[in-house]
Amino acid sequence: GNVFSVDEADYASIVSQVKNAEFEAEL
């Protein structure tokens, strides 16, 4: 439940990892 701040680069990297994992699972 903790909130933490990330810069744009890290945000993009995290979103990419999340999307890739979901895509592979769905695939």
PDB file of all heavy atoms in Angstrom:
ATOM      1  N   GLY A   1       0.782  -1.212   0.000  1.00  0.00           N
ATOM      2  CA  GLY A   1       0.000   0.000   0.000  1.00  0.00           C
ATOM      3  C   GLY A   1       0.809   1.255   0.000  1.00  0.00           C
ATOM      4  O   GLY A   1       0.259   2.353   0.108  1.00  0.00           O
ATOM      5  N   ASN A   2       2.117   1.201   0.026  1.00  0.00           N
ATOM      6  CA  ASN A   2       2.969   2.383   0.054  1.00  0.00           C
ATOM      7  C   ASN A   2       2.966   3.035  -1.319  1.00  0.00           C
ATOM      8  O   ASN A   2       2.968   2.365  -2.370  1.00  0.00           O
ATOM      9  CB  ASN A   2       4.382   2.017   0.446  1.00  0.00           C
ATOM     10  CG  ASN A   2       4.443   1.550   1.914  1.00  0.00           C
ATOM     11  OD1 ASN A   2       3.684   2.030   2.778  1.00  0.00           O
ATOM     12  ND2 ASN A   2       5.362   0.642   2.211  1.00  0.00           N
ATOM     13  N   VAL A   3       3.063   4.391  -1.280  1.00  0.00           N
ATOM     14  CA  VAL A   3       3.134   5.180  -2.527  1.00  0.00           C
ATOM     15  C   VAL A   3       4.551   5.691  -2.661  1.00  0.00           C
ATOM     16  O   VAL A   3       5.095   6.223  -1.707  1.00  0.00           O
ATOM     17  CB  VAL A   3       2.127   6.351  -2.502  1.00  0.00           C
ATOM     18  CG1 VAL A   3       2.273   7.194  -3.765  1.00  0.00           C
ATOM     19  CG2 VAL A   3       0.710   5.828  -2.370  1.00  0.00           C
ATOM     20  N   PHE A   4       5.037   5.531  -3.881  1.00  0.00           N
ATOM     21  CA  PHE A   4       6.400   6.032  -4.118  1.00  0.00           C
ATOM     22  C   PHE A   4       6.423   6.644  -5.493  1.00  0.00           C
ATOM     23  O   PHE A   4       5.628   6.316  -6.379  1.00  0.00           O
ATOM     24  CB  PHE A   4       7.472   4.931  -3.946  1.00  0.00           C
ATOM     25  CG  PHE A   4       7.214   3.718  -4.819  1.00  0.00           C
ATOM     26  CD1 PHE A   4       7.779   3.624  -6.061  1.00  0.00           C
ATOM     27  CD2 PHE A   4       6.400   2.681  -4.349  1.00  0.00           C
ATOM     28  CE1 PHE A   4       7.515   2.513  -6.787  1.00  0.00           C
ATOM     29  CE2 PHE A   4       6.156   1.586  -5.125  1.00  0.00           C
ATOM     30  CZ  PHE A   4       6.732   1.496  -6.410  1.00  0.00           C
ATOM     31  N   SER A   5       7.429   7.581  -5.603  1.00  0.00           N
ATOM     32  CA  SER A   5       7.566   8.367  -6.868  1.00  0.00           C
ATOM     33  C   SER A   5       8.663   7.754  -7.716  1.00  0.00           C
ATOM     34  O   SER A   5       9.712   7.349  -7.191  1.00  0.00           O
ATOM     35  CB  SER A   5       7.882   9.838  -6.568  1.00  0.00           C
ATOM     36  OG  SER A   5       6.833  10.435  -5.844  1.00  0.00           O
ATOM     37  N   VAL A   6       8.373   7.768  -9.051  1.00  0.00           N
ATOM     38  CA  VAL A   6       9.369   7.272 -10.039  1.00  0.00           C
ATOM     39  C   VAL A   6       9.436   8.269 -11.198  1.00  0.00           C
ATOM     40  O   VAL A   6       8.483   8.998 -11.471  1.00  0.00           O
ATOM     41  CB  VAL A   6       9.010   5.877 -10.565  1.00  0.00           C
ATOM     42  CG1 VAL A   6       9.097   4.843  -9.446  1.00  0.00           C
ATOM     43  CG2 VAL A   6       7.636   5.871 -11.205  1.00  0.00           C
ATOM     44  N   ASP A   7      10.615   8.318 -11.768  1.00  0.00           N
ATOM     45  CA  ASP A   7      10.762   9.235 -12.938  1.00  0.00           C
ATOM     46  C   ASP A   7      10.131   8.590 -14.182  1.00  0.00           C
ATOM     47  O   ASP A   7       9.661   7.436 -14.170  1.00  0.00           O
ATOM     48  CB  ASP A   7      12.217   9.586 -13.152  1.00  0.00           C
ATOM     49  CG  ASP A   7      13.077   8.351 -13.355  1.00  0.00           C
ATOM     50  OD1 ASP A   7      12.509   7.221 -13.524  1.00  0.00           O
ATOM     51  OD2 ASP A   7      14.308   8.449 -13.478  1.00  0.00           O
ATOM     52  N   GLU A   8      10.145   9.349 -15.252  1.00  0.00           N
ATOM     53  CA  GLU A   8       9.491   8.932 -16.495  1.00  0.00           C
ATOM     54  C   GLU A   8      10.142   7.671 -17.042  1.00  0.00           C
ATOM     55  O   GLU A   8       9.456   6.759 -17.523  1.00  0.00           O
ATOM     56  CB  GLU A   8       9.557  10.067 -17.546  1.00  0.00           C
ATOM     57  CG  GLU A   8       8.718  11.261 -17.191  1.00  0.00           C
ATOM     58  CD  GLU A   8       7.245  10.992 -17.243  1.00  0.00           C
ATOM     59  OE1 GLU A   8       6.811  10.064 -17.986  1.00  0.00           O
ATOM     60  OE2 GLU A   8       6.487  11.694 -16.586  1.00  0.00           O
ATOM     61  N   ALA A   9      11.456   7.573 -17.001  1.00  0.00           N
ATOM     62  CA  ALA A   9      12.156   6.429 -17.569  1.00  0.00           C
ATOM     63  C   ALA A   9      11.816   5.167 -16.815  1.00  0.00           C
ATOM     64  O   ALA A   9      11.514   4.112 -17.397  1.00  0.00           O
ATOM     65  CB  ALA A   9      13.672   6.671 -17.591  1.00  0.00           C
ATOM     66  N   ASP A  10      11.808   5.268 -15.468  1.00  0.00           N
ATOM     67  CA  ASP A  10      11.522   4.094 -14.683  1.00  0.00           C
ATOM     68  C   ASP A  10      10.053   3.682 -14.867  1.00  0.00           C
ATOM     69  O   ASP A  10       9.712   2.489 -14.886  1.00  0.00           O
ATOM     70  CB  ASP A  10      11.797   4.378 -13.195  1.00  0.00           C
ATOM     71  CG  ASP A  10      13.297   4.575 -12.921  1.00  0.00           C
ATOM     72  OD1 ASP A  10      14.098   4.008 -13.742  1.00  0.00           O
ATOM     73  OD2 ASP A  10      13.653   5.238 -11.958  1.00  0.00           O
ATOM     74  N   TYR A  11       9.170   4.716 -14.990  1.00  0.00           N
ATOM     75  CA  TYR A  11       7.766   4.455 -15.172  1.00  0.00           C
ATOM     76  C   TYR A  11       7.531   3.687 -16.445  1.00  0.00           C
ATOM     77  O   TYR A  11       6.793   2.695 -16.483  1.00  0.00           O
ATOM     78  CB  TYR A  11       6.993   5.765 -15.170  1.00  0.00           C
ATOM     79  CG  TYR A  11       5.496   5.589 -15.345  1.00  0.00           C
ATOM     80  CD1 TYR A  11       4.704   5.182 -14.256  1.00  0.00           C
ATOM     81  CD2 TYR A  11       4.911   5.811 -16.586  1.00  0.00           C
ATOM     82  CE1 TYR A  11       3.356   4.995 -14.439  1.00  0.00           C
ATOM     83  CE2 TYR A  11       3.565   5.629 -16.754  1.00  0.00           C
ATOM     84  CZ  TYR A  11       2.773   5.223 -15.680  1.00  0.00           C
ATOM     85  OH  TYR A  11       1.411   5.055 -15.872  1.00  0.00           O
ATOM     86  N   ALA A  12       8.197   4.175 -17.511  1.00  0.00           N
ATOM     87  CA  ALA A  12       8.042   3.512 -18.807  1.00  0.00           C
ATOM     88  C   ALA A  12       8.554   2.096 -18.750  1.00  0.00           C
ATOM     89  O   ALA A  12       7.958   1.160 -19.298  1.00  0.00           O
ATOM     90  CB  ALA A  12       8.752   4.308 -19.919  1.00  0.00           C
ATOM     91  N   SER A  13       9.661   1.854 -17.991  1.00  0.00           N
ATOM     92  CA  SER A  13      10.242   0.526 -17.909  1.00  0.00           C
ATOM     93  C   SER A  13       9.317  -0.407 -17.157  1.00  0.00           C
ATOM     94  O   SER A  13       9.094  -1.560 -17.542  1.00  0.00           O
ATOM     95  CB  SER A  13      11.603   0.604 -17.232  1.00  0.00           C
ATOM     96  OG  SER A  13      12.121  -0.689 -17.049  1.00  0.00           O
ATOM     97  N   ILE A  14       8.686   0.116 -16.068  1.00  0.00           N
ATOM     98  CA  ILE A  14       7.799  -0.703 -15.268  1.00  0.00           C
ATOM     99  C   ILE A  14       6.567  -1.049 -16.072  1.00  0.00           C
ATOM    100  O   ILE A  14       6.085  -2.200 -16.061  1.00  0.00           O
ATOM    101  CB  ILE A  14       7.421   0.031 -13.986  1.00  0.00           C
ATOM    102  CG1 ILE A  14       8.650   0.173 -13.059  1.00  0.00           C
ATOM    103  CG2 ILE A  14       6.295  -0.668 -13.237  1.00  0.00           C
ATOM    104  CD1 ILE A  14       8.450   1.125 -11.876  1.00  0.00           C
ATOM    105  N   VAL A  15       6.008  -0.040 -16.787  1.00  0.00           N
ATOM    106  CA  VAL A  15       4.804  -0.293 -17.593  1.00  0.00           C
ATOM    107  C   VAL A  15       5.090  -1.329 -18.661  1.00  0.00           C
ATOM    108  O   VAL A  15       4.302  -2.236 -18.924  1.00  0.00           O
ATOM    109  CB  VAL A  15       4.303   1.017 -18.235  1.00  0.00           C
ATOM    110  CG1 VAL A  15       3.213   0.755 -19.267  1.00  0.00           C
ATOM    111  CG2 VAL A  15       3.771   1.964 -17.151  1.00  0.00           C
ATOM    112  N   SER A  16       6.285  -1.245 -19.255  1.00  0.00           N
ATOM    113  CA  SER A  16       6.660  -2.197 -20.307  1.00  0.00           C
ATOM    114  C   SER A  16       6.760  -3.595 -19.753  1.00  0.00           C
ATOM    115  O   SER A  16       6.297  -4.563 -20.384  1.00  0.00           O
ATOM    116  CB  SER A  16       7.982  -1.770 -20.932  1.00  0.00           C
ATOM    117  OG  SER A  16       8.421  -2.711 -21.884  1.00  0.00           O
ATOM    118  N   GLN A  17       7.327  -3.733 -18.570  1.00  0.00           N
ATOM    119  CA  GLN A  17       7.463  -5.058 -17.986  1.00  0.00           C
ATOM    120  C   GLN A  17       6.093  -5.641 -17.664  1.00  0.00           C
ATOM    121  O   GLN A  17       5.836  -6.842 -17.900  1.00  0.00           O
ATOM    122  CB  GLN A  17       8.309  -4.978 -16.720  1.00  0.00           C
ATOM    123  CG  GLN A  17       9.759  -4.684 -17.001  1.00  0.00           C
ATOM    124  CD  GLN A  17      10.579  -4.516 -15.707  1.00  0.00           C
ATOM    125  OE1 GLN A  17      10.064  -4.703 -14.557  1.00  0.00           O
ATOM    126  NE2 GLN A  17      11.841  -4.133 -15.856  1.00  0.00           N
ATOM    127  N   VAL A  18       5.198  -4.765 -17.124  1.00  0.00           N
ATOM    128  CA  VAL A  18       3.883  -5.242 -16.765  1.00  0.00           C
ATOM    129  C   VAL A  18       3.138  -5.695 -18.019  1.00  0.00           C
ATOM    130  O   VAL A  18       2.508  -6.747 -18.071  1.00  0.00           O
ATOM    131  CB  VAL A  18       3.096  -4.154 -15.999  1.00  0.00           C
ATOM    132  CG1 VAL A  18       1.634  -4.556 -15.813  1.00  0.00           C
ATOM    133  CG2 VAL A  18       3.747  -3.887 -14.643  1.00  0.00           C
ATOM    134  N   LYS A  19       3.203  -4.858 -19.059  1.00  0.00           N
ATOM    135  CA  LYS A  19       2.503  -5.192 -20.326  1.00  0.00           C
ATOM    136  C   LYS A  19       3.056  -6.458 -20.942  1.00  0.00           C
ATOM    137  O   LYS A  19       2.309  -7.312 -21.415  1.00  0.00           O
ATOM    138  CB  LYS A  19       2.609  -4.035 -21.313  1.00  0.00           C
ATOM    139  CG  LYS A  19       1.727  -2.862 -20.919  1.00  0.00           C
ATOM    140  CD  LYS A  19       1.829  -1.759 -21.981  1.00  0.00           C
ATOM    141  CE  LYS A  19       0.869  -0.605 -21.647  1.00  0.00           C
ATOM    142  NZ  LYS A  19       0.940   0.455 -22.661  1.00  0.00           N
ATOM    143  N   ASN A  20       4.355  -6.649 -20.970  1.00  0.00           N
ATOM    144  CA  ASN A  20       4.953  -7.847 -21.555  1.00  0.00           C
ATOM    145  C   ASN A  20       4.517  -9.089 -20.820  1.00  0.00           C
ATOM    146  O   ASN A  20       4.216 -10.131 -21.427  1.00  0.00           O
ATOM    147  CB  ASN A  20       6.482  -7.742 -21.537  1.00  0.00           C
ATOM    148  CG  ASN A  20       6.991  -6.686 -22.556  1.00  0.00           C
ATOM    149  OD1 ASN A  20       6.285  -6.379 -23.511  1.00  0.00           O
ATOM    150  ND2 ASN A  20       8.179  -6.149 -22.319  1.00  0.00           N
ATOM    151  N   ALA A  21       4.441  -9.020 -19.497  1.00  0.00           N
ATOM    152  CA  ALA A  21       4.053 -10.184 -18.715  1.00  0.00           C
ATOM    153  C   ALA A  21       2.603 -10.537 -18.997  1.00  0.00           C
ATOM    154  O   ALA A  21       2.247 -11.708 -19.226  1.00  0.00           O
ATOM    155  CB  ALA A  21       4.264  -9.915 -17.246  1.00  0.00           C
ATOM    156  N   GLU A  22       1.736  -9.509 -19.062  1.00  0.00           N
ATOM    157  CA  GLU A  22       0.335  -9.749 -19.333  1.00  0.00           C
ATOM    158  C   GLU A  22       0.146 -10.312 -20.742  1.00  0.00           C
ATOM    159  O   GLU A  22      -0.668 -11.222 -20.971  1.00  0.00           O
ATOM    160  CB  GLU A  22      -0.453  -8.451 -19.175  1.00  0.00           C
ATOM    161  CG  GLU A  22      -0.539  -7.990 -17.718  1.00  0.00           C
ATOM    162  CD  GLU A  22      -1.271  -6.652 -17.587  1.00  0.00           C
ATOM    163  OE1 GLU A  22      -1.582  -6.084 -18.699  1.00  0.00           O
ATOM    164  OE2 GLU A  22      -1.551  -6.214 -16.487  1.00  0.00           O
ATOM    165  N   PHE A  23       0.915  -9.743 -21.710  1.00  0.00           N
ATOM    166  CA  PHE A  23       0.784 -10.171 -23.114  1.00  0.00           C
ATOM    167  C   PHE A  23       1.199 -11.620 -23.269  1.00  0.00           C
ATOM    168  O   PHE A  23       0.524 -12.415 -23.939  1.00  0.00           O
ATOM    169  CB  PHE A  23       1.637  -9.255 -24.001  1.00  0.00           C
ATOM    170  CG  PHE A  23       1.614  -9.645 -25.452  1.00  0.00           C
ATOM    171  CD1 PHE A  23       0.522  -9.363 -26.256  1.00  0.00           C
ATOM    172  CD2 PHE A  23       2.682 -10.348 -25.989  1.00  0.00           C
ATOM    173  CE1 PHE A  23       0.527  -9.751 -27.548  1.00  0.00           C
ATOM    174  CE2 PHE A  23       2.671 -10.724 -27.291  1.00  0.00           C
ATOM    175  CZ  PHE A  23       1.582 -10.432 -28.107  1.00  0.00           C
ATOM    176  N   GLU A  24       2.281 -11.977 -22.554  1.00  0.00           N
ATOM    177  CA  GLU A  24       2.769 -13.346 -22.680  1.00  0.00           C
ATOM    178  C   GLU A  24       1.776 -14.306 -22.036  1.00  0.00           C
ATOM    179  O   GLU A  24       1.503 -15.399 -22.579  1.00  0.00           O
ATOM    180  CB  GLU A  24       4.130 -13.480 -22.010  1.00  0.00           C
ATOM    181  CG  GLU A  24       5.246 -12.820 -22.800  1.00  0.00           C
ATOM    182  CD  GLU A  24       6.602 -12.918 -22.092  1.00  0.00           C
ATOM    183  OE1 GLU A  24       6.620 -13.479 -20.985  1.00  0.00           O
ATOM    184  OE2 GLU A  24       7.588 -12.468 -22.694  1.00  0.00           O
ATOM    185  N   ALA A  25       1.193 -13.864 -20.900  1.00  0.00           N
ATOM    186  CA  ALA A  25       0.230 -14.746 -20.262  1.00  0.00           C
ATOM    187  C   ALA A  25      -0.977 -14.933 -21.139  1.00  0.00           C
ATOM    188  O   ALA A  25      -1.496 -16.054 -21.334  1.00  0.00           O
ATOM    189  CB  ALA A  25      -0.175 -14.157 -18.894  1.00  0.00           C
ATOM    190  N   GLU A  26      -1.470 -13.823 -21.701  1.00  0.00           N
ATOM    191  CA  GLU A  26      -2.641 -13.906 -22.589  1.00  0.00           C
ATOM    192  C   GLU A  26      -2.326 -14.689 -23.838  1.00  0.00           C
ATOM    193  O   GLU A  26      -3.149 -15.481 -24.323  1.00  0.00           O
ATOM    194  CB  GLU A  26      -3.115 -12.485 -22.941  1.00  0.00           C
ATOM    195  CG  GLU A  26      -4.421 -12.505 -23.734  1.00  0.00           C
ATOM    196  CD  GLU A  26      -4.909 -11.099 -23.996  1.00  0.00           C
ATOM    197  OE1 GLU A  26      -4.267 -10.117 -23.544  1.00  0.00           O
ATOM    198  OE2 GLU A  26      -5.951 -10.963 -24.682  1.00  0.00           O
ATOM    199  N   LEU A  27      -1.079 -14.508 -24.348  1.00  0.00           N
ATOM    200  CA  LEU A  27      -0.675 -15.222 -25.549  1.00  0.00           C
ATOM    201  C   LEU A  27      -0.646 -16.722 -25.298  1.00  0.00           C
ATOM    202  O   LEU A  27      -1.129 -17.516 -26.143  1.00  0.00           O
ATOM    203  CB  LEU A  27       0.691 -14.721 -26.009  1.00  0.00           C
ATOM    204  CG  LEU A  27       1.255 -15.394 -27.271  1.00  0.00           C
ATOM    205  CD1 LEU A  27       0.338 -15.149 -28.473  1.00  0.00           C
ATOM    206  CD2 LEU A  27       2.680 -14.862 -27.566  1.00  0.00           C
TER     207      LEU A  27
END
